[in-house]
Amino acid sequence: MSFDALIQKVRQAEQALEASERRTLEDWQRFRQAWRSGWTPARIVVAGVVAGFAVGRVQPLRAATGGGVLQVLTALSGLVASGSAQAAAAQAGQAAEAAGTAAGDAAAPFPQPPSG
């Protein structure tokens, strides 16, 4: 195989790798958005109720006197709350970006008054 053919083969492999990277990034972004939009307040409450029921069924009441279950539930509630706060912050950032874009688009067609 000639040197030029090898160079061409490497270029094709690089292009295939870059295309694969772009597809992977797009898939990951779609997954993140679907994951965040899927955690509605009602689903969070249902997940909490189901988790509480499961913990109550697995652990007998006398084992709960040590406070271990309470610590686990407290940690899980903090985890869920931080996830909800992160999703809300992301939505607020998107809304602010959209408002900034809309404000920039609205101001663009109007000429600036002469100063002085």
Protein backbone atom coordinates (compact mmCIF):
# COMPACT_ATOMS: atom_id res chain seq x y z
CA MET A 1 0.00 0.00 0.00
CA SER A 2 1.38 3.40 -0.91
CA PHE A 3 2.01 6.20 1.53
CA ASP A 4 -0.77 8.34 -0.02
CA ALA A 5 -3.24 5.49 0.39
CA LEU A 6 -2.29 5.18 4.06
CA ILE A 7 -2.75 8.90 4.59
CA GLN A 8 -6.18 8.72 2.94
CA LYS A 9 -7.12 5.77 5.15
CA VAL A 10 -6.09 7.69 8.30
CA ARG A 11 -8.12 10.72 7.21
CA GLN A 12 -11.19 8.53 6.69
CA ALA A 13 -10.72 6.99 10.13
CA GLU A 14 -10.40 10.46 11.71
CA GLN A 15 -13.59 11.63 9.98
CA ALA A 16 -15.45 8.53 11.16
CA LEU A 17 -14.21 9.10 14.71
CA GLU A 18 -15.30 12.76 14.67
CA ALA A 19 -18.74 11.79 13.38
CA SER A 20 -19.04 9.20 16.12
CA GLU A 21 -18.03 11.78 18.75
CA ARG A 22 -20.69 14.21 17.50
CA ARG A 23 -23.39 11.51 17.60
CA THR A 24 -22.35 10.48 21.10
CA LEU A 25 -22.45 14.07 22.34
CA GLU A 26 -25.89 14.64 20.80
CA ASP A 27 -27.20 11.40 22.32
CA TRP A 28 -25.82 12.36 25.73
CA GLN A 29 -27.41 15.82 25.58
CA ARG A 30 -30.78 14.32 24.60
CA PHE A 31 -30.51 11.82 27.46
CA ARG A 32 -29.68 14.56 30.00
CA GLN A 33 -32.61 16.69 28.87
CA ALA A 34 -35.02 13.74 28.95
CA TRP A 35 -33.76 12.75 32.41
CA ARG A 36 -34.22 16.27 33.79
CA SER A 37 -37.63 16.80 32.23
CA GLY A 38 -38.77 13.39 33.47
CA TRP A 39 -38.35 14.31 37.13
CA THR A 40 -41.58 16.21 37.65
CA PRO A 41 -42.69 17.05 41.20
CA ALA A 42 -45.38 14.36 41.11
CA ARG A 43 -42.86 11.69 40.10
CA ILE A 44 -40.49 12.80 42.84
CA VAL A 45 -43.26 12.44 45.42
CA VAL A 46 -44.26 9.03 44.07
CA ALA A 47 -40.63 7.87 44.14
CA GLY A 48 -40.37 9.05 47.74
CA VAL A 49 -43.53 7.21 48.74
CA VAL A 50 -42.39 4.01 47.02
CA ALA A 51 -38.93 4.24 48.59
CA GLY A 52 -40.47 4.87 52.00
CA PHE A 53 -42.77 1.89 51.62
CA ALA A 54 -39.90 -0.33 50.49
CA VAL A 55 -37.73 0.73 53.43
CA GLY A 56 -40.63 0.13 55.79
CA ARG A 57 -41.21 -3.36 54.44
CA VAL A 58 -37.55 -4.41 54.40
CA GLN A 59 -36.54 -3.06 57.80
CA PRO A 60 -38.50 -4.20 60.84
CA LEU A 61 -39.61 -1.44 63.19
CA ARG A 62 -37.23 -2.46 65.99
CA ALA A 63 -34.23 -1.95 63.67
CA ALA A 64 -35.40 1.59 62.97
CA THR A 65 -34.83 2.66 66.58
CA GLY A 66 -31.10 3.12 65.94
CA GLY A 67 -31.74 6.06 63.60
CA GLY A 68 -29.94 4.48 60.64
CA VAL A 69 -33.05 4.45 58.48
CA LEU A 70 -33.75 8.05 59.36
CA GLN A 71 -30.22 9.02 58.31
CA VAL A 72 -30.61 7.21 54.99
CA LEU A 73 -33.95 8.89 54.32
CA THR A 74 -32.50 12.28 55.22
CA ALA A 75 -29.58 11.73 52.84
CA LEU A 76 -31.88 10.59 50.03
CA SER A 77 -34.20 13.56 50.49
CA GLY A 78 -31.21 15.91 50.29
CA LEU A 79 -30.07 14.16 47.11
CA VAL A 80 -33.49 14.52 45.49
CA ALA A 81 -33.75 18.15 46.56
CA SER A 82 -30.34 19.00 45.10
CA GLY A 83 -31.27 17.30 41.82
CA SER A 84 -34.48 19.30 41.66
CA ALA A 85 -32.62 22.52 42.42
CA GLN A 86 -30.07 21.77 39.71
CA ALA A 87 -32.82 21.14 37.16
CA ALA A 88 -34.57 24.38 38.17
CA ALA A 89 -31.31 26.31 37.84
CA ALA A 90 -30.74 24.89 34.37
CA GLN A 91 -34.25 25.89 33.30
CA ALA A 92 -33.75 29.38 34.72
CA GLY A 93 -30.49 29.70 32.80
CA GLN A 94 -32.18 28.66 29.58
CA ALA A 95 -34.99 31.14 30.18
CA ALA A 96 -32.50 33.93 30.85
CA GLU A 97 -30.60 33.08 27.69
CA ALA A 98 -33.82 33.07 25.66
CA ALA A 99 -34.83 36.42 27.16
CA GLY A 100 -31.42 37.88 26.36
CA THR A 101 -31.64 36.65 22.78
CA ALA A 102 -35.16 38.04 22.42
CA ALA A 103 -34.08 41.38 23.87
CA GLY A 104 -31.13 41.52 21.46
CA ASP A 105 -33.38 40.67 18.51
CA ALA A 106 -35.95 43.27 19.54
CA ALA A 107 -33.36 46.04 19.87
CA ALA A 108 -31.54 45.29 16.62
CA PRO A 109 -33.99 46.78 14.04
CA PHE A 110 -34.25 50.19 15.73
CA PRO A 111 -31.59 52.78 14.92
CA GLN A 112 -29.81 54.47 17.81
CA PRO A 113 -30.62 58.19 18.33
CA PRO A 114 -27.76 60.56 17.59
CA SER A 115 -25.91 61.61 20.70
CA GLY A 116 -24.91 65.12 21.54
